[in-house]
Amino acid sequence: MIPRPDYFVLGEHTLGYIDARQPHVFCILHASILRGSTFDRLAGITFLHPEIDTIRPATPEDFESYRVCSKGHL
C-alpha cells in the first residue's frame, strides 16, 4: 500500500504535498502569484532547499483559500 502524502504550504504562497518516498520533491497543487509564488502549478514539482525554503503543514482552511478541493486529500 502506498502511504498518503503530507500536505504543506511552501513559503506562504504555494499549496502542495510531499511524498515520503521523495522527501526533497514538493508537488504543487496550487501556486498563488498574488502571494508571491514564482511557480506554475502546471510545472508539477519543485525541489526543496532546506536552507532556503520554509514549509508548514497545510490546514483545511489553506485548501479553501487556495481554492483546492480537499476531498480525497484530507
N, C-alpha and C. Protein backbone atom coordinates (compact mmCIF):
# COMPACT_ATOMS: atom_id res chain seq x y z
N MET A 1 0.84 -1.19 0.00
CA MET A 1 0.00 0.00 0.00
C MET A 1 0.88 1.25 0.00
N ILE A 2 0.51 2.21 -0.80
CA ILE A 2 1.26 3.46 -0.91
C ILE A 2 0.81 4.40 0.21
N PRO A 3 1.76 4.97 0.98
CA PRO A 3 1.37 5.89 2.05
C PRO A 3 0.79 7.19 1.49
N ARG A 4 -0.12 7.78 2.26
CA ARG A 4 -0.70 9.07 1.85
C ARG A 4 0.34 10.16 1.97
N PRO A 5 0.34 11.11 1.06
CA PRO A 5 1.31 12.20 1.15
C PRO A 5 0.93 13.18 2.26
N ASP A 6 1.91 13.95 2.69
CA ASP A 6 1.69 15.01 3.67
C ASP A 6 1.55 16.33 2.91
N TYR A 7 0.59 17.15 3.31
CA TYR A 7 0.29 18.41 2.62
C TYR A 7 0.91 19.58 3.36
N PHE A 8 1.46 20.51 2.59
CA PHE A 8 2.18 21.65 3.17
C PHE A 8 1.91 22.92 2.37
N VAL A 9 2.23 24.04 3.01
CA VAL A 9 2.25 25.34 2.33
C VAL A 9 3.71 25.77 2.29
N LEU A 10 4.19 26.02 1.10
CA LEU A 10 5.57 26.43 0.88
C LEU A 10 5.65 27.94 0.79
N GLY A 11 6.44 28.55 1.67
CA GLY A 11 6.67 29.99 1.61
C GLY A 11 5.43 30.84 1.71
N GLU A 12 4.34 30.31 2.24
CA GLU A 12 3.06 31.01 2.36
C GLU A 12 2.48 31.42 1.02
N HIS A 13 2.93 30.77 -0.08
CA HIS A 13 2.39 31.12 -1.39
C HIS A 13 2.05 29.92 -2.27
N THR A 14 2.41 28.70 -1.85
CA THR A 14 2.17 27.53 -2.69
C THR A 14 1.68 26.36 -1.85
N LEU A 15 0.57 25.77 -2.28
CA LEU A 15 0.00 24.61 -1.61
C LEU A 15 0.43 23.36 -2.38
N GLY A 16 0.87 22.35 -1.63
CA GLY A 16 1.30 21.13 -2.29
C GLY A 16 1.49 20.00 -1.30
N TYR A 17 2.16 18.97 -1.76
CA TYR A 17 2.37 17.81 -0.90
C TYR A 17 3.76 17.23 -1.12
N ILE A 18 4.19 16.45 -0.12
CA ILE A 18 5.47 15.76 -0.17
C ILE A 18 5.19 14.28 0.04
N ASP A 19 5.68 13.49 -0.87
CA ASP A 19 5.58 12.03 -0.77
C ASP A 19 6.79 11.56 0.04
N ALA A 20 6.55 10.73 1.05
CA ALA A 20 7.62 10.26 1.93
C ALA A 20 8.72 9.53 1.17
N ARG A 21 8.40 8.99 0.00
CA ARG A 21 9.40 8.28 -0.79
C ARG A 21 10.37 9.23 -1.48
N GLN A 22 9.97 10.51 -1.62
CA GLN A 22 10.83 11.53 -2.23
C GLN A 22 10.72 12.81 -1.40
N PRO A 23 11.33 12.86 -0.22
CA PRO A 23 11.13 13.99 0.68
C PRO A 23 11.70 15.33 0.20
N HIS A 24 12.50 15.33 -0.83
CA HIS A 24 13.07 16.58 -1.35
C HIS A 24 12.25 17.16 -2.50
N VAL A 25 11.18 16.47 -2.90
CA VAL A 25 10.34 16.92 -4.01
C VAL A 25 9.02 17.46 -3.48
N PHE A 26 8.68 18.68 -3.85
CA PHE A 26 7.43 19.31 -3.46
C PHE A 26 6.52 19.32 -4.68
N CYS A 27 5.40 18.62 -4.59
CA CYS A 27 4.44 18.54 -5.70
C CYS A 27 3.41 19.66 -5.55
N ILE A 28 3.27 20.48 -6.54
CA ILE A 28 2.45 21.68 -6.48
C ILE A 28 1.00 21.37 -6.82
N LEU A 29 0.10 21.75 -5.91
CA LEU A 29 -1.34 21.68 -6.18
C LEU A 29 -1.85 23.02 -6.68
N HIS A 30 -1.39 24.10 -6.05
CA HIS A 30 -1.78 25.44 -6.50
C HIS A 30 -0.75 26.45 -6.02
N ALA A 31 -0.36 27.34 -6.91
CA ALA A 31 0.59 28.40 -6.60
C ALA A 31 -0.10 29.74 -6.80
N SER A 32 0.08 30.64 -5.85
CA SER A 32 -0.57 31.95 -5.93
C SER A 32 0.46 33.04 -6.23
N ILE A 33 0.38 33.60 -7.42
CA ILE A 33 1.30 34.68 -7.76
C ILE A 33 0.97 35.93 -6.96
N LEU A 34 -0.29 36.05 -6.53
CA LEU A 34 -0.67 37.20 -5.70
C LEU A 34 0.00 37.16 -4.34
N ARG A 35 0.36 35.97 -3.88
CA ARG A 35 1.05 35.81 -2.60
C ARG A 35 2.56 35.73 -2.76
N GLY A 36 3.04 35.84 -3.99
CA GLY A 36 4.48 35.89 -4.23
C GLY A 36 5.10 34.64 -4.84
N SER A 37 4.31 33.71 -5.29
CA SER A 37 4.86 32.50 -5.87
C SER A 37 5.41 32.75 -7.27
N THR A 38 6.51 32.11 -7.56
CA THR A 38 7.07 32.16 -8.91
C THR A 38 6.87 30.83 -9.62
N PHE A 39 6.13 29.91 -8.98
CA PHE A 39 5.89 28.58 -9.54
C PHE A 39 4.62 28.57 -10.38
N ASP A 40 4.60 27.65 -11.31
CA ASP A 40 3.42 27.40 -12.13
C ASP A 40 2.89 26.03 -11.75
N ARG A 41 1.60 25.94 -11.42
CA ARG A 41 1.05 24.66 -10.98
C ARG A 41 1.14 23.62 -12.09
N LEU A 42 1.24 24.06 -13.31
CA LEU A 42 1.37 23.12 -14.42
C LEU A 42 2.77 22.52 -14.50
N ALA A 43 3.73 23.16 -13.84
CA ALA A 43 5.09 22.60 -13.80
C ALA A 43 5.10 21.31 -12.99
N GLY A 44 4.21 21.22 -12.02
CA GLY A 44 4.04 19.98 -11.28
C GLY A 44 4.88 19.83 -10.04
N ILE A 45 6.18 20.04 -10.13
CA ILE A 45 7.04 19.83 -8.96
C ILE A 45 8.09 20.93 -8.86
N THR A 46 8.67 21.01 -7.68
CA THR A 46 9.87 21.81 -7.46
C THR A 46 10.68 21.06 -6.42
N PHE A 47 11.95 21.32 -6.38
CA PHE A 47 12.81 20.67 -5.41
C PHE A 47 12.99 21.58 -4.21
N LEU A 48 12.90 21.01 -3.02
CA LEU A 48 13.02 21.77 -1.79
C LEU A 48 14.49 21.99 -1.44
N HIS A 49 14.78 23.18 -0.95
CA HIS A 49 16.11 23.54 -0.47
C HIS A 49 15.97 23.84 1.03
N PRO A 50 16.36 22.90 1.90
CA PRO A 50 16.14 23.06 3.34
C PRO A 50 16.70 24.35 3.93
N GLU A 51 17.78 24.86 3.36
CA GLU A 51 18.38 26.09 3.89
C GLU A 51 17.59 27.34 3.51
N ILE A 52 16.80 27.24 2.45
CA ILE A 52 16.11 28.41 1.90
C ILE A 52 14.60 28.35 2.12
N ASP A 53 13.99 27.23 1.77
CA ASP A 53 12.53 27.11 1.77
C ASP A 53 11.95 26.89 3.17
N THR A 54 10.81 27.53 3.40
CA THR A 54 10.07 27.31 4.64
C THR A 54 8.75 26.65 4.29
N ILE A 55 8.42 25.61 5.03
CA ILE A 55 7.15 24.93 4.82
C ILE A 55 6.46 24.76 6.17
N ARG A 56 5.15 24.68 6.10
CA ARG A 56 4.34 24.40 7.29
C ARG A 56 3.22 23.46 6.88
N PRO A 57 2.70 22.69 7.83
CA PRO A 57 1.60 21.79 7.48
C PRO A 57 0.38 22.56 6.98
N ALA A 58 -0.26 22.04 5.96
CA ALA A 58 -1.46 22.67 5.41
C ALA A 58 -2.67 22.34 6.28
N THR A 59 -3.60 23.25 6.34
CA THR A 59 -4.84 23.09 7.10
C THR A 59 -6.01 23.05 6.12
N PRO A 60 -7.17 22.62 6.58
CA PRO A 60 -8.35 22.67 5.70
C PRO A 60 -8.63 24.09 5.19
N GLU A 61 -8.32 25.09 6.01
CA GLU A 61 -8.50 26.48 5.58
C GLU A 61 -7.59 26.85 4.42
N ASP A 62 -6.38 26.26 4.39
CA ASP A 62 -5.47 26.51 3.27
C ASP A 62 -6.06 25.98 1.97
N PHE A 63 -6.65 24.80 2.02
CA PHE A 63 -7.28 24.25 0.81
C PHE A 63 -8.38 25.19 0.33
N GLU A 64 -9.12 25.75 1.28
CA GLU A 64 -10.20 26.66 0.92
C GLU A 64 -9.65 27.96 0.33
N SER A 65 -8.62 28.53 0.95
CA SER A 65 -8.10 29.81 0.47
C SER A 65 -7.36 29.67 -0.87
N TYR A 66 -6.78 28.50 -1.12
CA TYR A 66 -6.12 28.26 -2.41
C TYR A 66 -7.10 27.70 -3.45
N ARG A 67 -8.35 27.53 -3.04
CA ARG A 67 -9.42 27.04 -3.92
C ARG A 67 -9.11 25.66 -4.51
N VAL A 68 -8.62 24.78 -3.63
CA VAL A 68 -8.37 23.39 -3.99
C VAL A 68 -9.32 22.52 -3.17
N CYS A 69 -10.04 21.65 -3.80
CA CYS A 69 -10.97 20.78 -3.09
C CYS A 69 -10.18 19.79 -2.24
N SER A 70 -10.50 19.72 -0.97
CA SER A 70 -9.77 18.83 -0.07
C SER A 70 -10.30 17.40 -0.11
N LYS A 71 -11.39 17.18 -0.82
CA LYS A 71 -11.95 15.83 -0.91
C LYS A 71 -10.93 14.91 -1.59
N GLY A 72 -10.64 13.83 -0.92
CA GLY A 72 -9.65 12.89 -1.42
C GLY A 72 -8.22 13.21 -0.98
N HIS A 73 -8.01 14.42 -0.48
CA HIS A 73 -6.70 14.80 0.01
C HIS A 73 -6.61 14.67 1.53
N LEU A 74 -7.60 15.24 2.22
CA LEU A 74 -7.57 15.23 3.69
C LEU A 74 -8.53 14.20 4.23
